[in-house]
Amino acid sequence: MEYVSLLPPEIKTKKKTQDRQRKLIIAFFLLILVLILINVYYLVSIVLDRQELRTLQDEREMIERQSAALEEYEILFQKLIAREKLIVDAMGTTPLWGELLSNASRSLTVGTWLSDLNLSYSDNSGSLSMSGWAYDYTGVADMLDRLFKDDQFEQIKSRVSAETDYRGYEVVRFQVDGVIPAGPRFFSDDQGGE
């Protein structure tokens, strides 16, 4: 079945024109609505950005006030570092000799004795050289174990001879070399350093 319009052509044209106008008006309103929504979005985002900017400015002002109050302490801290450097340069990093010699003597076990002990130090490190005798290898091993555990000596190396005769006794000769690391940067009077 075919639709046939019985309306006169003037009315048909007028109706088509009205339909076009209605569609244009709807499209125009939709365009205006979209533009309004875009403007509202940008307006809301601008308001939120201004609030965030105001918050950041307030935080910045607060931090600047706090940093101004702490600037005095930073100056004092820098002066303290400079003075500590002067003390370190003046005092050096010598080891605590009393403690060092005491620990070296405590490393000797029963049945070992020294024939030579040299401790030297210059600038930031020193050396240990000790030689002596022991009745057996166990005494030398115990002595080396104590030296390895002592943090005032590093890079301990030893040379041990075969059993030899010393004044009628069978003994083991040993030679121990090591490094004395840098001492404390400086120490107070109650530490007893020289």
C-alpha atoms as a PDB file:
ATOM      1  CA  MET A   1       0.000   0.000   0.000  1.00  0.00           C
ATOM      2  CA  GLU A   2       1.257   3.350  -1.032  1.00  0.00           C
ATOM      3  CA  TYR A   3       0.755   6.542   0.923  1.00  0.00           C
ATOM      4  CA  VAL A   4      -0.702   9.341  -1.117  1.00  0.00           C
ATOM      5  CA  SER A   5      -1.033  12.807   0.308  1.00  0.00           C
ATOM      6  CA  LEU A   6      -4.160  14.666  -0.604  1.00  0.00           C
ATOM      7  CA  LEU A   7      -2.985  17.958   0.862  1.00  0.00           C
ATOM      8  CA  PRO A   8      -2.481  20.852  -1.475  1.00  0.00           C
ATOM      9  CA  PRO A   9       1.165  21.618  -2.376  1.00  0.00           C
ATOM     10  CA  GLU A  10       1.239  24.907  -0.429  1.00  0.00           C
ATOM     11  CA  ILE A  11       0.362  23.154   2.803  1.00  0.00           C
ATOM     12  CA  LYS A  12       2.914  20.415   2.107  1.00  0.00           C
ATOM     13  CA  THR A  13       5.622  23.007   1.537  1.00  0.00           C
ATOM     14  CA  LYS A  14       4.620  24.912   4.646  1.00  0.00           C
ATOM     15  CA  LYS A  15       4.694  21.698   6.696  1.00  0.00           C
ATOM     16  CA  LYS A  16       8.141  20.773   5.339  1.00  0.00           C
ATOM     17  CA  THR A  17       9.393  24.274   6.145  1.00  0.00           C
ATOM     18  CA  GLN A  18       7.995  24.017   9.676  1.00  0.00           C
ATOM     19  CA  ASP A  19       9.652  20.591  10.117  1.00  0.00           C
ATOM     20  CA  ARG A  20      12.984  22.040   8.979  1.00  0.00           C
ATOM     21  CA  GLN A  21      12.574  25.032  11.282  1.00  0.00           C
ATOM     22  CA  ARG A  22      11.698  22.754  14.196  1.00  0.00           C
ATOM     23  CA  LYS A  23      14.782  20.608  13.505  1.00  0.00           C
ATOM     24  CA  LEU A  24      16.984  23.725  13.268  1.00  0.00           C
ATOM     25  CA  ILE A  25      15.562  25.077  16.512  1.00  0.00           C
ATOM     26  CA  ILE A  26      16.164  21.721  18.274  1.00  0.00           C
ATOM     27  CA  ALA A  27      19.726  21.579  16.895  1.00  0.00           C
ATOM     28  CA  PHE A  28      20.262  25.208  17.966  1.00  0.00           C
ATOM     29  CA  PHE A  29      18.987  24.462  21.498  1.00  0.00           C
ATOM     30  CA  LEU A  30      21.142  21.347  21.684  1.00  0.00           C
ATOM     31  CA  LEU A  31      24.185  23.375  20.590  1.00  0.00           C
ATOM     32  CA  ILE A  32      23.413  26.050  23.183  1.00  0.00           C
ATOM     33  CA  LEU A  33      22.927  23.333  25.842  1.00  0.00           C
ATOM     34  CA  VAL A  34      26.310  21.780  24.969  1.00  0.00           C
ATOM     35  CA  LEU A  35      27.973  25.212  25.108  1.00  0.00           C
ATOM     36  CA  ILE A  36      26.331  25.919  28.468  1.00  0.00           C
ATOM     37  CA  LEU A  37      27.505  22.546  29.854  1.00  0.00           C
ATOM     38  CA  ILE A  38      31.058  23.210  28.617  1.00  0.00           C
ATOM     39  CA  ASN A  39      31.026  26.670  30.189  1.00  0.00           C
ATOM     40  CA  VAL A  40      29.688  25.266  33.482  1.00  0.00           C
ATOM     41  CA  TYR A  41      32.436  22.616  33.467  1.00  0.00           C
ATOM     42  CA  TYR A  42      35.136  25.232  32.899  1.00  0.00           C
ATOM     43  CA  LEU A  43      33.603  27.540  35.490  1.00  0.00           C
ATOM     44  CA  VAL A  44      33.577  24.752  38.118  1.00  0.00           C
ATOM     45  CA  SER A  45      37.143  23.730  37.268  1.00  0.00           C
ATOM     46  CA  ILE A  46      38.303  27.362  37.540  1.00  0.00           C
ATOM     47  CA  VAL A  47      36.652  27.690  40.951  1.00  0.00           C
ATOM     48  CA  LEU A  48      38.258  24.437  42.153  1.00  0.00           C
ATOM     49  CA  ASP A  49      41.668  25.461  40.757  1.00  0.00           C
ATOM     50  CA  ARG A  50      41.433  28.833  42.509  1.00  0.00           C
ATOM     51  CA  GLN A  51      40.625  27.099  45.789  1.00  0.00           C
ATOM     52  CA  GLU A  52      43.605  24.765  45.341  1.00  0.00           C
ATOM     53  CA  LEU A  53      45.827  27.713  44.411  1.00  0.00           C
ATOM     54  CA  ARG A  54      44.675  29.579  47.523  1.00  0.00           C
ATOM     55  CA  THR A  55      45.433  26.485  49.644  1.00  0.00           C
ATOM     56  CA  LEU A  56      48.904  26.138  48.103  1.00  0.00           C
ATOM     57  CA  GLN A  57      49.616  29.829  48.665  1.00  0.00           C
ATOM     58  CA  ASP A  58      48.590  29.502  52.311  1.00  0.00           C
ATOM     59  CA  GLU A  59      50.844  26.452  52.724  1.00  0.00           C
ATOM     60  CA  ARG A  60      53.722  28.295  51.057  1.00  0.00           C
ATOM     61  CA  GLU A  61      53.336  31.272  53.387  1.00  0.00           C
ATOM     62  CA  MET A  62      53.285  28.931  56.396  1.00  0.00           C
ATOM     63  CA  ILE A  63      56.415  27.094  55.195  1.00  0.00           C
ATOM     64  CA  GLU A  64      58.205  30.393  54.537  1.00  0.00           C
ATOM     65  CA  ARG A  65      57.395  31.531  58.087  1.00  0.00           C
ATOM     66  CA  GLN A  66      58.668  28.237  59.498  1.00  0.00           C
ATOM     67  CA  SER A  67      61.828  28.308  57.376  1.00  0.00           C
ATOM     68  CA  ALA A  68      62.570  31.849  58.496  1.00  0.00           C
ATOM     69  CA  ALA A  69      62.408  30.643  62.100  1.00  0.00           C
ATOM     70  CA  LEU A  70      64.690  27.649  61.289  1.00  0.00           C
ATOM     71  CA  GLU A  71      67.223  29.654  59.266  1.00  0.00           C
ATOM     72  CA  GLU A  72      69.000  30.635  62.483  1.00  0.00           C
ATOM     73  CA  TYR A  73      69.460  26.951  63.339  1.00  0.00           C
ATOM     74  CA  GLU A  74      70.837  26.197  59.870  1.00  0.00           C
ATOM     75  CA  ILE A  75      73.463  28.910  60.340  1.00  0.00           C
ATOM     76  CA  LEU A  76      74.379  27.457  63.744  1.00  0.00           C
ATOM     77  CA  PHE A  77      74.587  23.966  62.240  1.00  0.00           C
ATOM     78  CA  GLN A  78      76.944  25.148  59.487  1.00  0.00           C
ATOM     79  CA  LYS A  79      79.155  26.840  62.110  1.00  0.00           C
ATOM     80  CA  LEU A  80      79.188  23.612  64.142  1.00  0.00           C
ATOM     81  CA  ILE A  81      80.276  21.582  61.098  1.00  0.00           C
ATOM     82  CA  ALA A  82      83.057  24.085  60.323  1.00  0.00           C
ATOM     83  CA  ARG A  83      84.340  23.998  63.914  1.00  0.00           C
ATOM     84  CA  GLU A  84      84.191  20.209  64.067  1.00  0.00           C
ATOM     85  CA  LYS A  85      86.256  20.079  60.873  1.00  0.00           C
ATOM     86  CA  LEU A  86      88.831  22.359  62.506  1.00  0.00           C
ATOM     87  CA  ILE A  87      88.985  20.043  65.524  1.00  0.00           C
ATOM     88  CA  VAL A  88      89.342  16.967  63.321  1.00  0.00           C
ATOM     89  CA  ASP A  89      92.132  18.622  61.337  1.00  0.00           C
ATOM     90  CA  ALA A  90      93.900  19.649  64.531  1.00  0.00           C
ATOM     91  CA  MET A  91      93.501  16.374  66.432  1.00  0.00           C
ATOM     92  CA  GLY A  92      93.911  13.921  63.562  1.00  0.00           C
ATOM     93  CA  THR A  93      92.666  10.344  63.685  1.00  0.00           C
ATOM     94  CA  THR A  94      95.227   8.633  65.863  1.00  0.00           C
ATOM     95  CA  PRO A  95      94.149   5.359  67.429  1.00  0.00           C
ATOM     96  CA  LEU A  96      93.570   4.961  71.136  1.00  0.00           C
ATOM     97  CA  TRP A  97      97.027   3.604  71.951  1.00  0.00           C
ATOM     98  CA  GLY A  98      96.255   2.369  75.451  1.00  0.00           C
ATOM     99  CA  GLU A  99      93.344   0.273  74.257  1.00  0.00           C
ATOM    100  CA  LEU A 100      95.287  -0.859  71.179  1.00  0.00           C
ATOM    101  CA  LEU A 101      98.278  -2.121  73.189  1.00  0.00           C
ATOM    102  CA  SER A 102      96.006  -3.733  75.748  1.00  0.00           C
ATOM    103  CA  ASN A 103      94.123  -5.623  73.006  1.00  0.00           C
ATOM    104  CA  ALA A 104      97.392  -6.694  71.361  1.00  0.00           C
ATOM    105  CA  SER A 105      98.631  -8.108  74.668  1.00  0.00           C
ATOM    106  CA  ARG A 106      95.313  -9.886  75.319  1.00  0.00           C
ATOM    107  CA  SER A 107      95.658 -11.681  72.006  1.00  0.00           C
ATOM    108  CA  LEU A 108      98.591 -13.688  73.397  1.00  0.00           C
ATOM    109  CA  THR A 109      97.551 -17.036  74.794  1.00  0.00           C
ATOM    110  CA  VAL A 110      99.247 -19.225  77.378  1.00  0.00           C
ATOM    111  CA  GLY A 111     102.310 -20.749  75.813  1.00  0.00           C
ATOM    112  CA  THR A 112     103.053 -17.877  73.399  1.00  0.00           C
ATOM    113  CA  TRP A 113     105.550 -15.078  73.892  1.00  0.00           C
ATOM    114  CA  LEU A 114     106.695 -12.164  71.802  1.00  0.00           C
ATOM    115  CA  SER A 115     110.186 -11.479  70.615  1.00  0.00           C
ATOM    116  CA  ASP A 116     109.258  -8.319  68.707  1.00  0.00           C
ATOM    117  CA  LEU A 117     106.277  -5.936  68.587  1.00  0.00           C
ATOM    118  CA  ASN A 118     106.044  -2.896  66.295  1.00  0.00           C
ATOM    119  CA  LEU A 119     103.026  -0.626  66.083  1.00  0.00           C
ATOM    120  CA  SER A 120     103.306   2.413  63.835  1.00  0.00           C
ATOM    121  CA  TYR A 121     100.820   5.013  62.684  1.00  0.00           C
ATOM    122  CA  SER A 122     100.867   7.961  60.288  1.00  0.00           C
ATOM    123  CA  ASP A 123      98.143  10.002  58.661  1.00  0.00           C
ATOM    124  CA  ASN A 124      95.055   7.751  58.499  1.00  0.00           C
ATOM    125  CA  SER A 125      96.392   4.223  58.950  1.00  0.00           C
ATOM    126  CA  GLY A 126      99.097   2.241  60.630  1.00  0.00           C
ATOM    127  CA  SER A 127     100.676  -1.169  60.765  1.00  0.00           C
ATOM    128  CA  LEU A 128     101.123  -3.979  63.244  1.00  0.00           C
ATOM    129  CA  SER A 129     104.084  -6.321  63.160  1.00  0.00           C
ATOM    130  CA  MET A 130     104.656  -8.909  65.861  1.00  0.00           C
ATOM    131  CA  SER A 131     106.782 -11.999  65.979  1.00  0.00           C
ATOM    132  CA  GLY A 132     107.390 -14.591  68.631  1.00  0.00           C
ATOM    133  CA  TRP A 133     107.242 -18.197  69.677  1.00  0.00           C
ATOM    134  CA  ALA A 134     104.596 -20.688  70.719  1.00  0.00           C
ATOM    135  CA  TYR A 135     104.806 -24.214  72.086  1.00  0.00           C
ATOM    136  CA  ASP A 136     102.419 -25.512  69.433  1.00  0.00           C
ATOM    137  CA  TYR A 137     100.274 -24.549  66.469  1.00  0.00           C
ATOM    138  CA  THR A 138      97.126 -24.378  68.607  1.00  0.00           C
ATOM    139  CA  GLY A 139      98.560 -21.455  70.585  1.00  0.00           C
ATOM    140  CA  VAL A 140      99.269 -19.579  67.358  1.00  0.00           C
ATOM    141  CA  ALA A 141      95.766 -20.353  66.020  1.00  0.00           C
ATOM    142  CA  ASP A 142      94.125 -19.087  69.246  1.00  0.00           C
ATOM    143  CA  MET A 143      96.197 -15.898  69.114  1.00  0.00           C
ATOM    144  CA  LEU A 144      95.220 -15.280  65.468  1.00  0.00           C
ATOM    145  CA  ASP A 145      91.559 -15.926  66.256  1.00  0.00           C
ATOM    146  CA  ARG A 146      91.633 -13.220  68.941  1.00  0.00           C
ATOM    147  CA  LEU A 147      93.339 -10.777  66.575  1.00  0.00           C
ATOM    148  CA  PHE A 148      90.760 -11.452  63.831  1.00  0.00           C
ATOM    149  CA  LYS A 149      87.905 -10.717  66.264  1.00  0.00           C
ATOM    150  CA  ASP A 150      89.436  -7.407  67.382  1.00  0.00           C
ATOM    151  CA  ASP A 151      88.088  -4.515  65.300  1.00  0.00           C
ATOM    152  CA  GLN A 152      91.189  -2.409  65.970  1.00  0.00           C
ATOM    153  CA  PHE A 153      93.198  -4.618  63.609  1.00  0.00           C
ATOM    154  CA  GLU A 154      92.485  -5.375  59.957  1.00  0.00           C
ATOM    155  CA  GLN A 155      93.994  -7.512  57.211  1.00  0.00           C
ATOM    156  CA  ILE A 156      95.757  -9.847  59.623  1.00  0.00           C
ATOM    157  CA  LYS A 157      98.285 -12.080  57.849  1.00  0.00           C
ATOM    158  CA  SER A 158     100.534 -14.613  59.491  1.00  0.00           C
ATOM    159  CA  ARG A 159     103.539 -16.734  58.677  1.00  0.00           C
ATOM    160  CA  VAL A 160     104.260 -19.785  60.785  1.00  0.00           C
ATOM    161  CA  SER A 161     107.413 -21.842  60.639  1.00  0.00           C
ATOM    162  CA  ALA A 162     107.733 -25.551  61.100  1.00  0.00           C
ATOM    163  CA  GLU A 163     108.563 -26.716  64.582  1.00  0.00           C
ATOM    164  CA  THR A 164     112.109 -25.772  65.504  1.00  0.00           C
ATOM    165  CA  ASP A 165     114.333 -26.107  68.516  1.00  0.00           C
ATOM    166  CA  TYR A 166     114.677 -23.043  70.728  1.00  0.00           C
ATOM    167  CA  ARG A 167     116.850 -23.360  73.849  1.00  0.00           C
ATOM    168  CA  GLY A 168     116.144 -27.057  74.071  1.00  0.00           C
ATOM    169  CA  TYR A 169     112.359 -26.809  73.483  1.00  0.00           C
ATOM    170  CA  GLU A 170     110.392 -27.639  70.373  1.00  0.00           C
ATOM    171  CA  VAL A 171     108.558 -24.445  69.425  1.00  0.00           C
ATOM    172  CA  VAL A 172     106.738 -22.825  66.513  1.00  0.00           C
ATOM    173  CA  ARG A 173     107.942 -19.422  65.291  1.00  0.00           C
ATOM    174  CA  PHE A 174     105.265 -16.975  64.042  1.00  0.00           C
ATOM    175  CA  GLN A 175     105.191 -13.591  62.315  1.00  0.00           C
ATOM    176  CA  VAL A 176     101.955 -11.579  62.234  1.00  0.00           C
ATOM    177  CA  ASP A 177     101.385  -8.451  60.120  1.00  0.00           C
ATOM    178  CA  GLY A 178      98.270  -6.321  60.023  1.00  0.00           C
ATOM    179  CA  VAL A 179      96.806  -2.896  59.463  1.00  0.00           C
ATOM    180  CA  ILE A 180      95.707  -0.465  62.145  1.00  0.00           C
ATOM    181  CA  PRO A 181      92.686   1.485  60.807  1.00  0.00           C
ATOM    182  CA  ALA A 182      92.119   5.159  61.519  1.00  0.00           C
ATOM    183  CA  GLY A 183      91.116   5.962  65.055  1.00  0.00           C
ATOM    184  CA  PRO A 184      88.183   8.100  66.100  1.00  0.00           C
ATOM    185  CA  ARG A 185      88.027  11.549  64.565  1.00  0.00           C
ATOM    186  CA  PHE A 186      88.647  13.023  67.982  1.00  0.00           C
ATOM    187  CA  PHE A 187      88.118  11.908  71.533  1.00  0.00           C
ATOM    188  CA  SER A 188      87.460  13.466  74.895  1.00  0.00           C
ATOM    189  CA  ASP A 189      89.737  13.428  77.947  1.00  0.00           C
ATOM    190  CA  ASP A 190      87.861  10.570  79.574  1.00  0.00           C
ATOM    191  CA  GLN A 191      88.804   8.202  76.724  1.00  0.00           C
ATOM    192  CA  GLY A 192      92.430   8.410  77.758  1.00  0.00           C
ATOM    193  CA  GLY A 193      93.957   8.824  74.292  1.00  0.00           C
ATOM    194  CA  GLU A 194      97.282  10.448  73.632  1.00  0.00           C
END
